[in-house]
Amino acid sequence: MVQIRRVDQAGFDWGSSDGPAAEMRQVAAAATAYDGAEVLNEQARLQLTHHGITGAALWLADGGFALLHRDTLDLAVHPDTRRQGVGTALARAALADVGDTVSAWSHGDHPGAAAIAASLGL
């Protein structure tokens, strides 16, 4: 079973060398290098750099994250952790209280992202 934890705004510092932000950056870097496409778009990077997760929500699992900011979901899973249910569990946690008002797309048209989206009706 995948363990998901929601990150408190007070515990998030994008510049920190450890903690939730460091975990998120490590997953993003590994996924970007493996897939050849940036995991976080410019809006998400600016949000994290200048405002942390204020006005957003972040869920972490071992090897993955889901960031919900405004009506956009950014989700990434470390290549070593894929095909183990991490992405689906993170997406379900992030979308639990949102309804159908969220935009989601795959940076790089990743087949795993398409499978998660289809399974959740996105």
PDB file of N, CA and C in Angstrom:
ATOM      1  N   MET A   1       0.843  -1.187   0.000  1.00  0.00           N
ATOM      2  CA  MET A   1       0.000   0.000   0.000  1.00  0.00           C
ATOM      3  C   MET A   1       0.889   1.252   0.000  1.00  0.00           C
ATOM      4  N   VAL A   2       0.503   2.207  -0.797  1.00  0.00           N
ATOM      5  CA  VAL A   2       1.255   3.454  -0.913  1.00  0.00           C
ATOM      6  C   VAL A   2       0.863   4.390   0.224  1.00  0.00           C
ATOM      7  N   GLN A   3       1.845   4.899   0.932  1.00  0.00           N
ATOM      8  CA  GLN A   3       1.611   5.853   2.012  1.00  0.00           C
ATOM      9  C   GLN A   3       1.707   7.270   1.462  1.00  0.00           C
ATOM     10  N   ILE A   4       0.632   8.026   1.589  1.00  0.00           N
ATOM     11  CA  ILE A   4       0.566   9.407   1.102  1.00  0.00           C
ATOM     12  C   ILE A   4       0.544  10.335   2.304  1.00  0.00           C
ATOM     13  N   ARG A   5       1.295  11.415   2.235  1.00  0.00           N
ATOM     14  CA  ARG A   5       1.241  12.421   3.297  1.00  0.00           C
ATOM     15  C   ARG A   5       1.068  13.803   2.676  1.00  0.00           C
ATOM     16  N   ARG A   6       0.184  14.568   3.263  1.00  0.00           N
ATOM     17  CA  ARG A   6      -0.025  15.936   2.821  1.00  0.00           C
ATOM     18  C   ARG A   6       0.964  16.832   3.564  1.00  0.00           C
ATOM     19  N   VAL A   7       1.597  17.728   2.839  1.00  0.00           N
ATOM     20  CA  VAL A   7       2.629  18.594   3.401  1.00  0.00           C
ATOM     21  C   VAL A   7       1.991  19.881   3.905  1.00  0.00           C
ATOM     22  N   ASP A   8       2.327  20.250   5.118  1.00  0.00           N
ATOM     23  CA  ASP A   8       1.874  21.500   5.718  1.00  0.00           C
ATOM     24  C   ASP A   8       2.667  22.664   5.115  1.00  0.00           C
ATOM     25  N   GLN A   9       1.999  23.772   4.875  1.00  0.00           N
ATOM     26  CA  GLN A   9       2.667  24.951   4.316  1.00  0.00           C
ATOM     27  C   GLN A   9       3.860  25.371   5.156  1.00  0.00           C
ATOM     28  N   ALA A  10       3.734  25.275   6.450  1.00  0.00           N
ATOM     29  CA  ALA A  10       4.812  25.710   7.346  1.00  0.00           C
ATOM     30  C   ALA A  10       6.045  24.822   7.224  1.00  0.00           C
ATOM     31  N   GLY A  11       5.873  23.592   6.769  1.00  0.00           N
ATOM     32  CA  GLY A  11       6.990  22.677   6.656  1.00  0.00           C
ATOM     33  C   GLY A  11       7.633  22.658   5.279  1.00  0.00           C
ATOM     34  N   PHE A  12       7.309  23.657   4.449  1.00  0.00           N
ATOM     35  CA  PHE A  12       7.802  23.653   3.073  1.00  0.00           C
ATOM     36  C   PHE A  12       8.647  24.890   2.796  1.00  0.00           C
ATOM     37  N   ASP A  13       9.887  24.648   2.359  1.00  0.00           N
ATOM     38  CA  ASP A  13      10.794  25.722   1.962  1.00  0.00           C
ATOM     39  C   ASP A  13      11.510  25.255   0.700  1.00  0.00           C
ATOM     40  N   TRP A  14      11.171  25.825  -0.438  1.00  0.00           N
ATOM     41  CA  TRP A  14      11.692  25.385  -1.730  1.00  0.00           C
ATOM     42  C   TRP A  14      13.220  25.373  -1.771  1.00  0.00           C
ATOM     43  N   GLY A  15      13.863  26.241  -1.040  1.00  0.00           N
ATOM     44  CA  GLY A  15      15.313  26.316  -1.053  1.00  0.00           C
ATOM     45  C   GLY A  15      16.001  25.383  -0.077  1.00  0.00           C
ATOM     46  N   SER A  16      15.247  24.653   0.728  1.00  0.00           N
ATOM     47  CA  SER A  16      15.822  23.787   1.746  1.00  0.00           C
ATOM     48  C   SER A  16      16.557  22.597   1.126  1.00  0.00           C
ATOM     49  N   SER A  17      17.637  22.188   1.766  1.00  0.00           N
ATOM     50  CA  SER A  17      18.414  21.045   1.275  1.00  0.00           C
ATOM     51  C   SER A  17      17.878  19.710   1.790  1.00  0.00           C
ATOM     52  N   ASP A  18      16.855  19.755   2.637  1.00  0.00           N
ATOM     53  CA  ASP A  18      16.221  18.521   3.083  1.00  0.00           C
ATOM     54  C   ASP A  18      14.732  18.781   3.279  1.00  0.00           C
ATOM     55  N   GLY A  19      13.994  17.765   3.628  1.00  0.00           N
ATOM     56  CA  GLY A  19      12.570  17.909   3.850  1.00  0.00           C
ATOM     57  C   GLY A  19      11.755  17.777   2.575  1.00  0.00           C
ATOM     58  N   PRO A  20      10.482  18.177   2.640  1.00  0.00           N
ATOM     59  CA  PRO A  20       9.556  17.978   1.525  1.00  0.00           C
ATOM     60  C   PRO A  20      10.007  18.602   0.197  1.00  0.00           C
ATOM     61  N   ALA A  21      10.541  19.817   0.248  1.00  0.00           N
ATOM     62  CA  ALA A  21      10.961  20.469  -0.999  1.00  0.00           C
ATOM     63  C   ALA A  21      12.115  19.724  -1.646  1.00  0.00           C
ATOM     64  N   ALA A  22      13.052  19.257  -0.852  1.00  0.00           N
ATOM     65  CA  ALA A  22      14.179  18.504  -1.393  1.00  0.00           C
ATOM     66  C   ALA A  22      13.700  17.182  -1.998  1.00  0.00           C
ATOM     67  N   GLU A  23      12.741  16.525  -1.338  1.00  0.00           N
ATOM     68  CA  GLU A  23      12.169  15.288  -1.889  1.00  0.00           C
ATOM     69  C   GLU A  23      11.520  15.569  -3.237  1.00  0.00           C
ATOM     70  N   MET A  24      10.763  16.640  -3.285  1.00  0.00           N
ATOM     71  CA  MET A  24      10.053  17.005  -4.513  1.00  0.00           C
ATOM     72  C   MET A  24      11.036  17.314  -5.643  1.00  0.00           C
ATOM     73  N   ARG A  25      12.065  18.090  -5.342  1.00  0.00           N
ATOM     74  CA  ARG A  25      13.071  18.435  -6.364  1.00  0.00           C
ATOM     75  C   ARG A  25      13.791  17.196  -6.870  1.00  0.00           C
ATOM     76  N   GLN A  26      14.086  16.247  -5.976  1.00  0.00           N
ATOM     77  CA  GLN A  26      14.785  15.026  -6.373  1.00  0.00           C
ATOM     78  C   GLN A  26      13.925  14.198  -7.333  1.00  0.00           C
ATOM     79  N   VAL A  27      12.647  14.048  -7.024  1.00  0.00           N
ATOM     80  CA  VAL A  27      11.738  13.307  -7.901  1.00  0.00           C
ATOM     81  C   VAL A  27      11.615  14.025  -9.243  1.00  0.00           C
ATOM     82  N   ALA A  28      11.430  15.345  -9.197  1.00  0.00           N
ATOM     83  CA  ALA A  28      11.289  16.121 -10.436  1.00  0.00           C
ATOM     84  C   ALA A  28      12.534  16.006 -11.306  1.00  0.00           C
ATOM     85  N   ALA A  29      13.700  16.094 -10.711  1.00  0.00           N
ATOM     86  CA  ALA A  29      14.949  16.010 -11.481  1.00  0.00           C
ATOM     87  C   ALA A  29      15.107  14.627 -12.114  1.00  0.00           C
ATOM     88  N   ALA A  30      14.835  13.581 -11.357  1.00  0.00           N
ATOM     89  CA  ALA A  30      14.976  12.226 -11.886  1.00  0.00           C
ATOM     90  C   ALA A  30      13.978  11.962 -13.016  1.00  0.00           C
ATOM     91  N   ALA A  31      12.733  12.382 -12.828  1.00  0.00           N
ATOM     92  CA  ALA A  31      11.711  12.170 -13.858  1.00  0.00           C
ATOM     93  C   ALA A  31      12.018  12.989 -15.112  1.00  0.00           C
ATOM     94  N   THR A  32      12.468  14.226 -14.929  1.00  0.00           N
ATOM     95  CA  THR A  32      12.814  15.078 -16.068  1.00  0.00           C
ATOM     96  C   THR A  32      13.968  14.465 -16.859  1.00  0.00           C
ATOM     97  N   ALA A  33      14.993  14.007 -16.161  1.00  0.00           N
ATOM     98  CA  ALA A  33      16.147  13.406 -16.840  1.00  0.00           C
ATOM     99  C   ALA A  33      15.751  12.126 -17.570  1.00  0.00           C
ATOM    100  N   TYR A  34      14.932  11.319 -16.958  1.00  0.00           N
ATOM    101  CA  TYR A  34      14.540  10.037 -17.547  1.00  0.00           C
ATOM    102  C   TYR A  34      13.608  10.213 -18.746  1.00  0.00           C
ATOM    103  N   ASP A  35      12.634  11.127 -18.589  1.00  0.00           N
ATOM    104  CA  ASP A  35      11.603  11.297 -19.615  1.00  0.00           C
ATOM    105  C   ASP A  35      11.977  12.287 -20.702  1.00  0.00           C
ATOM    106  N   GLY A  36      12.946  13.149 -20.422  1.00  0.00           N
ATOM    107  CA  GLY A  36      13.340  14.152 -21.405  1.00  0.00           C
ATOM    108  C   GLY A  36      12.372  15.304 -21.519  1.00  0.00           C
ATOM    109  N   ALA A  37      11.514  15.482 -20.532  1.00  0.00           N
ATOM    110  CA  ALA A  37      10.553  16.594 -20.521  1.00  0.00           C
ATOM    111  C   ALA A  37      10.459  17.128 -19.100  1.00  0.00           C
ATOM    112  N   GLU A  38      10.390  18.441 -18.962  1.00  0.00           N
ATOM    113  CA  GLU A  38      10.261  19.065 -17.643  1.00  0.00           C
ATOM    114  C   GLU A  38       8.994  18.580 -16.955  1.00  0.00           C
ATOM    115  N   VAL A  39       9.109  18.274 -15.701  1.00  0.00           N
ATOM    116  CA  VAL A  39       7.974  17.809 -14.913  1.00  0.00           C
ATOM    117  C   VAL A  39       7.115  18.979 -14.446  1.00  0.00           C
ATOM    118  N   LEU A  40       7.748  20.053 -14.038  1.00  0.00           N
ATOM    119  CA  LEU A  40       7.034  21.222 -13.528  1.00  0.00           C
ATOM    120  C   LEU A  40       7.068  22.340 -14.562  1.00  0.00           C
ATOM    121  N   ASN A  41       5.901  22.892 -14.846  1.00  0.00           N
ATOM    122  CA  ASN A  41       5.871  24.012 -15.783  1.00  0.00           C
ATOM    123  C   ASN A  41       6.340  25.290 -15.083  1.00  0.00           C
ATOM    124  N   GLU A  42       6.479  26.338 -15.853  1.00  0.00           N
ATOM    125  CA  GLU A  42       7.004  27.592 -15.315  1.00  0.00           C
ATOM    126  C   GLU A  42       6.127  28.138 -14.193  1.00  0.00           C
ATOM    127  N   GLN A  43       4.822  28.055 -14.357  1.00  0.00           N
ATOM    128  CA  GLN A  43       3.914  28.562 -13.327  1.00  0.00           C
ATOM    129  C   GLN A  43       4.162  27.840 -12.001  1.00  0.00           C
ATOM    130  N   ALA A  44       4.305  26.533 -12.046  1.00  0.00           N
ATOM    131  CA  ALA A  44       4.539  25.760 -10.818  1.00  0.00           C
ATOM    132  C   ALA A  44       5.882  26.117 -10.199  1.00  0.00           C
ATOM    133  N   ARG A  45       6.919  26.227 -11.011  1.00  0.00           N
ATOM    134  CA  ARG A  45       8.248  26.565 -10.474  1.00  0.00           C
ATOM    135  C   ARG A  45       8.241  27.955  -9.833  1.00  0.00           C
ATOM    136  N   LEU A  46       7.582  28.910 -10.467  1.00  0.00           N
ATOM    137  CA  LEU A  46       7.497  30.260  -9.887  1.00  0.00           C
ATOM    138  C   LEU A  46       6.717  30.239  -8.577  1.00  0.00           C
ATOM    139  N   GLN A  47       5.612  29.502  -8.553  1.00  0.00           N
ATOM    140  CA  GLN A  47       4.817  29.363  -7.326  1.00  0.00           C
ATOM    141  C   GLN A  47       5.691  28.835  -6.197  1.00  0.00           C
ATOM    142  N   LEU A  48       6.397  27.752  -6.450  1.00  0.00           N
ATOM    143  CA  LEU A  48       7.206  27.108  -5.425  1.00  0.00           C
ATOM    144  C   LEU A  48       8.372  27.983  -4.978  1.00  0.00           C
ATOM    145  N   THR A  49       9.002  28.662  -5.918  1.00  0.00           N
ATOM    146  CA  THR A  49      10.153  29.501  -5.612  1.00  0.00           C
ATOM    147  C   THR A  49       9.771  30.726  -4.786  1.00  0.00           C
ATOM    148  N   HIS A  50       8.675  31.372  -5.160  1.00  0.00           N
ATOM    149  CA  HIS A  50       8.332  32.656  -4.534  1.00  0.00           C
ATOM    150  C   HIS A  50       7.265  32.562  -3.443  1.00  0.00           C
ATOM    151  N   HIS A  51       6.434  31.531  -3.483  1.00  0.00           N
ATOM    152  CA  HIS A  51       5.326  31.451  -2.527  1.00  0.00           C
ATOM    153  C   HIS A  51       5.242  30.106  -1.818  1.00  0.00           C
ATOM    154  N   GLY A  52       6.172  29.200  -2.119  1.00  0.00           N
ATOM    155  CA  GLY A  52       6.085  27.874  -1.523  1.00  0.00           C
ATOM    156  C   GLY A  52       4.797  27.197  -1.944  1.00  0.00           C
ATOM    157  N   ILE A  53       4.113  26.603  -0.998  1.00  0.00           N
ATOM    158  CA  ILE A  53       2.830  25.979  -1.326  1.00  0.00           C
ATOM    159  C   ILE A  53       1.656  26.762  -0.749  1.00  0.00           C
ATOM    160  N   THR A  54       1.877  28.046  -0.473  1.00  0.00           N
ATOM    161  CA  THR A  54       0.777  28.913  -0.052  1.00  0.00           C
ATOM    162  C   THR A  54      -0.234  28.978  -1.185  1.00  0.00           C
ATOM    163  N   GLY A  55      -1.478  28.714  -0.888  1.00  0.00           N
ATOM    164  CA  GLY A  55      -2.518  28.726  -1.914  1.00  0.00           C
ATOM    165  C   GLY A  55      -2.515  27.475  -2.777  1.00  0.00           C
ATOM    166  N   ALA A  56      -1.728  26.501  -2.417  1.00  0.00           N
ATOM    167  CA  ALA A  56      -1.639  25.241  -3.152  1.00  0.00           C
ATOM    168  C   ALA A  56      -1.700  24.095  -2.150  1.00  0.00           C
ATOM    169  N   ALA A  57      -1.643  22.886  -2.650  1.00  0.00           N
ATOM    170  CA  ALA A  57      -1.599  21.711  -1.781  1.00  0.00           C
ATOM    171  C   ALA A  57      -0.597  20.735  -2.371  1.00  0.00           C
ATOM    172  N   LEU A  58       0.154  20.080  -1.484  1.00  0.00           N
ATOM    173  CA  LEU A  58       1.193  19.152  -1.902  1.00  0.00           C
ATOM    174  C   LEU A  58       1.058  17.848  -1.136  1.00  0.00           C
ATOM    175  N   TRP A  59       1.082  16.747  -1.887  1.00  0.00           N
ATOM    176  CA  TRP A  59       1.086  15.416  -1.317  1.00  0.00           C
ATOM    177  C   TRP A  59       2.376  14.729  -1.744  1.00  0.00           C
ATOM    178  N   LEU A  60       2.990  14.008  -0.827  1.00  0.00           N
ATOM    179  CA  LEU A  60       4.203  13.251  -1.117  1.00  0.00           C
ATOM    180  C   LEU A  60       3.982  11.777  -0.798  1.00  0.00           C
ATOM    181  N   ALA A  61       4.658  10.949  -1.560  1.00  0.00           N
ATOM    182  CA  ALA A  61       4.761   9.521  -1.293  1.00  0.00           C
ATOM    183  C   ALA A  61       6.207   9.162  -1.555  1.00  0.00           C
ATOM    184  N   ASP A  62       6.657   8.032  -1.075  1.00  0.00           N
ATOM    185  CA  ASP A  62       8.014   7.616  -1.394  1.00  0.00           C
ATOM    186  C   ASP A  62       8.128   7.510  -2.907  1.00  0.00           C
ATOM    187  N   GLY A  63       8.910   8.413  -3.495  1.00  0.00           N
ATOM    188  CA  GLY A  63       9.137   8.382  -4.930  1.00  0.00           C
ATOM    189  C   GLY A  63       8.157   9.153  -5.777  1.00  0.00           C
ATOM    190  N   GLY A  64       7.361  10.032  -5.194  1.00  0.00           N
ATOM    191  CA  GLY A  64       6.425  10.799  -6.018  1.00  0.00           C
ATOM    192  C   GLY A  64       5.821  11.981  -5.303  1.00  0.00           C
ATOM    193  N   PHE A  65       5.212  12.879  -6.096  1.00  0.00           N
ATOM    194  CA  PHE A  65       4.492  14.021  -5.525  1.00  0.00           C
ATOM    195  C   PHE A  65       3.323  14.407  -6.408  1.00  0.00           C
ATOM    196  N   ALA A  66       2.363  15.068  -5.793  1.00  0.00           N
ATOM    197  CA  ALA A  66       1.238  15.688  -6.494  1.00  0.00           C
ATOM    198  C   ALA A  66       1.104  17.098  -5.954  1.00  0.00           C
ATOM    199  N   LEU A  67       1.137  18.065  -6.841  1.00  0.00           N
ATOM    200  CA  LEU A  67       1.000  19.472  -6.483  1.00  0.00           C
ATOM    201  C   LEU A  67      -0.258  20.006  -7.143  1.00  0.00           C
ATOM    202  N   LEU A  68      -1.191  20.481  -6.338  1.00  0.00           N
ATOM    203  CA  LEU A  68      -2.425  21.059  -6.843  1.00  0.00           C
ATOM    204  C   LEU A  68      -2.374  22.556  -6.586  1.00  0.00           C
ATOM    205  N   HIS A  69      -2.277  23.334  -7.650  1.00  0.00           N
ATOM    206  CA  HIS A  69      -2.264  24.793  -7.517  1.00  0.00           C
ATOM    207  C   HIS A  69      -3.292  25.357  -8.477  1.00  0.00           C
ATOM    208  N   ARG A  70      -4.153  26.174  -7.871  1.00  0.00           N
ATOM    209  CA  ARG A  70      -5.334  26.666  -8.579  1.00  0.00           C
ATOM    210  C   ARG A  70      -6.106  25.476  -9.097  1.00  0.00           C
ATOM    211  N   ASP A  71      -6.276  25.365 -10.385  1.00  0.00           N
ATOM    212  CA  ASP A  71      -7.021  24.228 -10.940  1.00  0.00           C
ATOM    213  C   ASP A  71      -6.117  23.322 -11.766  1.00  0.00           C
ATOM    214  N   THR A  72      -4.840  23.298 -11.421  1.00  0.00           N
ATOM    215  CA  THR A  72      -3.865  22.509 -12.166  1.00  0.00           C
ATOM    216  C   THR A  72      -3.190  21.491 -11.247  1.00  0.00           C
ATOM    217  N   LEU A  73      -3.086  20.276 -11.727  1.00  0.00           N
ATOM    218  CA  LEU A  73      -2.420  19.214 -10.989  1.00  0.00           C
ATOM    219  C   LEU A  73      -1.119  18.866 -11.691  1.00  0.00           C
ATOM    220  N   ASP A  74      -0.018  18.968 -10.965  1.00  0.00           N
ATOM    221  CA  ASP A  74       1.284  18.500 -11.430  1.00  0.00           C
ATOM    222  C   ASP A  74       1.618  17.266 -10.604  1.00  0.00           C
ATOM    223  N   LEU A  75       1.928  16.178 -11.278  1.00  0.00           N
ATOM    224  CA  LEU A  75       2.202  14.924 -10.610  1.00  0.00           C
ATOM    225  C   LEU A  75       3.432  14.294 -11.249  1.00  0.00           C
ATOM    226  N   ALA A  76       4.314  13.771 -10.424  1.00  0.00           N
ATOM    227  CA  ALA A  76       5.507  13.100 -10.947  1.00  0.00           C
ATOM    228  C   ALA A  76       5.848  11.907 -10.071  1.00  0.00           C
ATOM    229  N   VAL A  77       6.370  10.872 -10.728  1.00  0.00           N
ATOM    230  CA  VAL A  77       6.812   9.676 -10.029  1.00  0.00           C
ATOM    231  C   VAL A  77       8.238   9.371 -10.487  1.00  0.00           C
ATOM    232  N   HIS A  78       9.096   9.116  -9.524  1.00  0.00           N
ATOM    233  CA  HIS A  78      10.487   8.770  -9.819  1.00  0.00           C
ATOM    234  C   HIS A  78      10.511   7.529 -10.714  1.00  0.00           C
ATOM    235  N   PRO A  79      11.370   7.493 -11.717  1.00  0.00           N
ATOM    236  CA  PRO A  79      11.429   6.329 -12.615  1.00  0.00           C
ATOM    237  C   PRO A  79      11.607   4.993 -11.893  1.00  0.00           C
ATOM    238  N   ASP A  80      12.309   4.974 -10.772  1.00  0.00           N
ATOM    239  CA  ASP A  80      12.530   3.730 -10.030  1.00  0.00           C
ATOM    240  C   ASP A  80      11.299   3.263  -9.257  1.00  0.00           C
ATOM    241  N   THR A  81      10.291   4.130  -9.167  1.00  0.00           N
ATOM    242  CA  THR A  81       9.108   3.832  -8.360  1.00  0.00           C
ATOM    243  C   THR A  81       7.856   3.663  -9.215  1.00  0.00           C
ATOM    244  N   ARG A  82       7.991   3.738 -10.507  1.00  0.00           N
ATOM    245  CA  ARG A  82       6.828   3.655 -11.392  1.00  0.00           C
ATOM    246  C   ARG A  82       6.258   2.243 -11.450  1.00  0.00           C
ATOM    247  N   ARG A  83       4.976   2.192 -11.854  1.00  0.00           N
ATOM    248  CA  ARG A  83       4.246   0.930 -12.029  1.00  0.00           C
ATOM    249  C   ARG A  83       4.044   0.193 -10.702  1.00  0.00           C
ATOM    250  N   GLN A  84       3.956   0.996  -9.621  1.00  0.00           N
ATOM    251  CA  GLN A  84       3.715   0.422  -8.298  1.00  0.00           C
ATOM    252  C   GLN A  84       2.500   1.066  -7.630  1.00  0.00           C
ATOM    253  N   GLY A  85       1.749   1.869  -8.386  1.00  0.00           N
ATOM    254  CA  GLY A  85       0.547   2.506  -7.854  1.00  0.00           C
ATOM    255  C   GLY A  85       0.768   3.853  -7.206  1.00  0.00           C
ATOM    256  N   VAL A  86       1.997   4.356  -7.217  1.00  0.00           N
ATOM    257  CA  VAL A  86       2.306   5.637  -6.566  1.00  0.00           C
ATOM    258  C   VAL A  86       1.563   6.787  -7.246  1.00  0.00           C
ATOM    259  N   GLY A  87       1.639   6.860  -8.558  1.00  0.00           N
ATOM    260  CA  GLY A  87       0.994   7.954  -9.289  1.00  0.00           C
ATOM    261  C   GLY A  87      -0.509   7.957  -9.117  1.00  0.00           C
ATOM    262  N   THR A  88      -1.129   6.804  -9.216  1.00  0.00           N
ATOM    263  CA  THR A  88      -2.582   6.717  -9.053  1.00  0.00           C
ATOM    264  C   THR A  88      -2.997   7.101  -7.644  1.00  0.00           C
ATOM    265  N   ALA A  89      -2.262   6.631  -6.645  1.00  0.00           N
ATOM    266  CA  ALA A  89      -2.588   6.969  -5.254  1.00  0.00           C
ATOM    267  C   ALA A  89      -2.448   8.471  -5.016  1.00  0.00           C
ATOM    268  N   LEU A  90      -1.388   9.078  -5.551  1.00  0.00           N
ATOM    269  CA  LEU A  90      -1.205  10.526  -5.402  1.00  0.00           C
ATOM    270  C   LEU A  90      -2.313  11.299  -6.112  1.00  0.00           C
ATOM    271  N   ALA A  91      -2.665  10.885  -7.309  1.00  0.00           N
ATOM    272  CA  ALA A  91      -3.727  11.567  -8.051  1.00  0.00           C
ATOM    273  C   ALA A  91      -5.051  11.470  -7.304  1.00  0.00           C
ATOM    274  N   ARG A  92      -5.361  10.301  -6.782  1.00  0.00           N
ATOM    275  CA  ARG A  92      -6.616  10.144  -6.023  1.00  0.00           C
ATOM    276  C   ARG A  92      -6.631  11.046  -4.794  1.00  0.00           C
ATOM    277  N   ALA A  93      -5.516  11.110  -4.080  1.00  0.00           N
ATOM    278  CA  ALA A  93      -5.449  11.974  -2.892  1.00  0.00           C
ATOM    279  C   ALA A  93      -5.658  13.429  -3.268  1.00  0.00           C
ATOM    280  N   ALA A  94      -5.008  13.869  -4.325  1.00  0.00           N
ATOM    281  CA  ALA A  94      -5.091  15.270  -4.728  1.00  0.00           C
ATOM    282  C   ALA A  94      -6.462  15.640  -5.273  1.00  0.00           C
ATOM    283  N   LEU A  95      -7.115  14.706  -5.925  1.00  0.00           N
ATOM    284  CA  LEU A  95      -8.397  15.003  -6.567  1.00  0.00           C
ATOM    285  C   LEU A  95      -9.604  14.676  -5.695  1.00  0.00           C
ATOM    286  N   ALA A  96      -9.383  14.164  -4.505  1.00  0.00           N
ATOM    287  CA  ALA A  96     -10.476  13.702  -3.649  1.00  0.00           C
ATOM    288  C   ALA A  96     -11.556  14.751  -3.411  1.00  0.00           C
ATOM    289  N   ASP A  97     -11.169  15.987  -3.205  1.00  0.00           N
ATOM    290  CA  ASP A  97     -12.156  17.019  -2.870  1.00  0.00           C
ATOM    291  C   ASP A  97     -12.302  18.084  -3.951  1.00  0.00           C
ATOM    292  N   VAL A  98     -11.807  17.809  -5.150  1.00  0.00           N
ATOM    293  CA  VAL A  98     -11.764  18.843  -6.180  1.00  0.00           C
ATOM    294  C   VAL A  98     -12.911  18.752  -7.167  1.00  0.00           C
ATOM    295  N   GLY A  99     -13.362  17.577  -7.484  1.00  0.00           N
ATOM    296  CA  GLY A  99     -14.389  17.419  -8.507  1.00  0.00           C
ATOM    297  C   GLY A  99     -13.762  17.413  -9.882  1.00  0.00           C
ATOM    298  N   ASP A 100     -14.485  17.920 -10.860  1.00  0.00           N
ATOM    299  CA  ASP A 100     -14.019  17.848 -12.247  1.00  0.00           C
ATOM    300  C   ASP A 100     -13.510  19.189 -12.771  1.00  0.00           C
ATOM    301  N   THR A 101     -13.016  20.042 -11.891  1.00  0.00           N
ATOM    302  CA  THR A 101     -12.567  21.370 -12.303  1.00  0.00           C
ATOM    303  C   THR A 101     -11.053  21.459 -12.460  1.00  0.00           C
ATOM    304  N   VAL A 102     -10.374  20.334 -12.552  1.00  0.00           N
ATOM    305  CA  VAL A 102      -8.915  20.324 -12.603  1.00  0.00           C
ATOM    306  C   VAL A 102      -8.437  20.047 -14.018  1.00  0.00           C
ATOM    307  N   SER A 103      -7.390  20.777 -14.409  1.00  0.00           N
ATOM    308  CA  SER A 103      -6.716  20.508 -15.676  1.00  0.00           C
ATOM    309  C   SER A 103      -5.525  19.604 -15.399  1.00  0.00           C
ATOM    310  N   ALA A 104      -5.346  18.623 -16.246  1.00  0.00           N
ATOM    311  CA  ALA A 104      -4.189  17.745 -16.118  1.00  0.00           C
ATOM    312  C   ALA A 104      -3.706  17.395 -17.519  1.00  0.00           C
ATOM    313  N   TRP A 105      -2.413  17.420 -17.694  1.00  0.00           N
ATOM    314  CA  TRP A 105      -1.837  16.984 -18.962  1.00  0.00           C
ATOM    315  C   TRP A 105      -0.479  16.393 -18.666  1.00  0.00           C
ATOM    316  N   SER A 106       0.035  15.695 -19.637  1.00  0.00           N
ATOM    317  CA  SER A 106       1.313  15.037 -19.454  1.00  0.00           C
ATOM    318  C   SER A 106       2.391  15.817 -20.184  1.00  0.00           C
ATOM    319  N   HIS A 107       3.374  16.275 -19.441  1.00  0.00           N
ATOM    320  CA  HIS A 107       4.530  16.905 -20.071  1.00  0.00           C
ATOM    321  C   HIS A 107       5.295  15.775 -20.767  1.00  0.00           C
ATOM    322  N   GLY A 108       5.318  15.790 -22.064  1.00  0.00           N
ATOM    323  CA  GLY A 108       6.008  14.742 -22.806  1.00  0.00           C
ATOM    324  C   GLY A 108       5.105  13.588 -23.214  1.00  0.00           C
ATOM    325  N   ASP A 109       3.796  13.693 -22.996  1.00  0.00           N
ATOM    326  CA  ASP A 109       2.841  12.668 -23.420  1.00  0.00           C
ATOM    327  C   ASP A 109       3.228  11.280 -22.907  1.00  0.00           C
ATOM    328  N   HIS A 110       3.434  11.184 -21.609  1.00  0.00           N
ATOM    329  CA  HIS A 110       3.890   9.941 -20.983  1.00  0.00           C
ATOM    330  C   HIS A 110       2.751   8.916 -20.919  1.00  0.00           C
ATOM    331  N   PRO A 111       3.002   7.669 -21.326  1.00  0.00           N
ATOM    332  CA  PRO A 111       1.941   6.651 -21.309  1.00  0.00           C
ATOM    333  C   PRO A 111       1.415   6.346 -19.904  1.00  0.00           C
ATOM    334  N   GLY A 112       2.265   6.441 -18.887  1.00  0.00           N
ATOM    335  CA  GLY A 112       1.801   6.227 -17.516  1.00  0.00           C
ATOM    336  C   GLY A 112       0.801   7.291 -17.097  1.00  0.00           C
ATOM    337  N   ALA A 113       1.048   8.524 -17.510  1.00  0.00           N
ATOM    338  CA  ALA A 113       0.120   9.620 -17.206  1.00  0.00           C
ATOM    339  C   ALA A 113      -1.215   9.394 -17.900  1.00  0.00           C
ATOM    340  N   ALA A 114      -1.157   8.917 -19.128  1.00  0.00           N
ATOM    341  CA  ALA A 114      -2.405   8.634 -19.867  1.00  0.00           C
ATOM    342  C   ALA A 114      -3.201   7.541 -19.175  1.00  0.00           C
ATOM    343  N   ALA A 115      -2.524   6.528 -18.657  1.00  0.00           N
ATOM    344  CA  ALA A 115      -3.210   5.444 -17.956  1.00  0.00           C
ATOM    345  C   ALA A 115      -3.862   5.932 -16.663  1.00  0.00           C
ATOM    346  N   ILE A 116      -3.153   6.769 -15.913  1.00  0.00           N
ATOM    347  CA  ILE A 116      -3.724   7.329 -14.680  1.00  0.00           C
ATOM    348  C   ILE A 116      -4.923   8.190 -15.003  1.00  0.00           C
ATOM    349  N   ALA A 117      -4.781   9.068 -15.993  1.00  0.00           N
ATOM    350  CA  ALA A 117      -5.891   9.949 -16.379  1.00  0.00           C
ATOM    351  C   ALA A 117      -7.115   9.130 -16.796  1.00  0.00           C
ATOM    352  N   ALA A 118      -6.908   8.114 -17.594  1.00  0.00           N
ATOM    353  CA  ALA A 118      -8.028   7.283 -18.044  1.00  0.00           C
ATOM    354  C   ALA A 118      -8.694   6.578 -16.872  1.00  0.00           C
ATOM    355  N   SER A 119      -7.894   6.074 -15.938  1.00  0.00           N
ATOM    356  CA  SER A 119      -8.446   5.347 -14.798  1.00  0.00           C
ATOM    357  C   SER A 119      -9.269   6.252 -13.881  1.00  0.00           C
ATOM    358  N   LEU A 120      -8.972   7.546 -13.908  1.00  0.00           N
ATOM    359  CA  LEU A 120      -9.680   8.497 -13.049  1.00  0.00           C
ATOM    360  C   LEU A 120     -10.708   9.325 -13.816  1.00  0.00           C
ATOM    361  N   GLY A 121     -10.891   9.020 -15.074  1.00  0.00           N
ATOM    362  CA  GLY A 121     -11.893   9.718 -15.869  1.00  0.00           C
ATOM    363  C   GLY A 121     -11.502  11.128 -16.256  1.00  0.00           C
ATOM    364  N   LEU A 122     -10.209  11.405 -16.352  1.00  0.00           N
ATOM    365  CA  LEU A 122      -9.753  12.743 -16.742  1.00  0.00           C
ATOM    366  C   LEU A 122      -9.535  12.810 -18.242  1.00  0.00           C
TER     367      LEU A 122
END
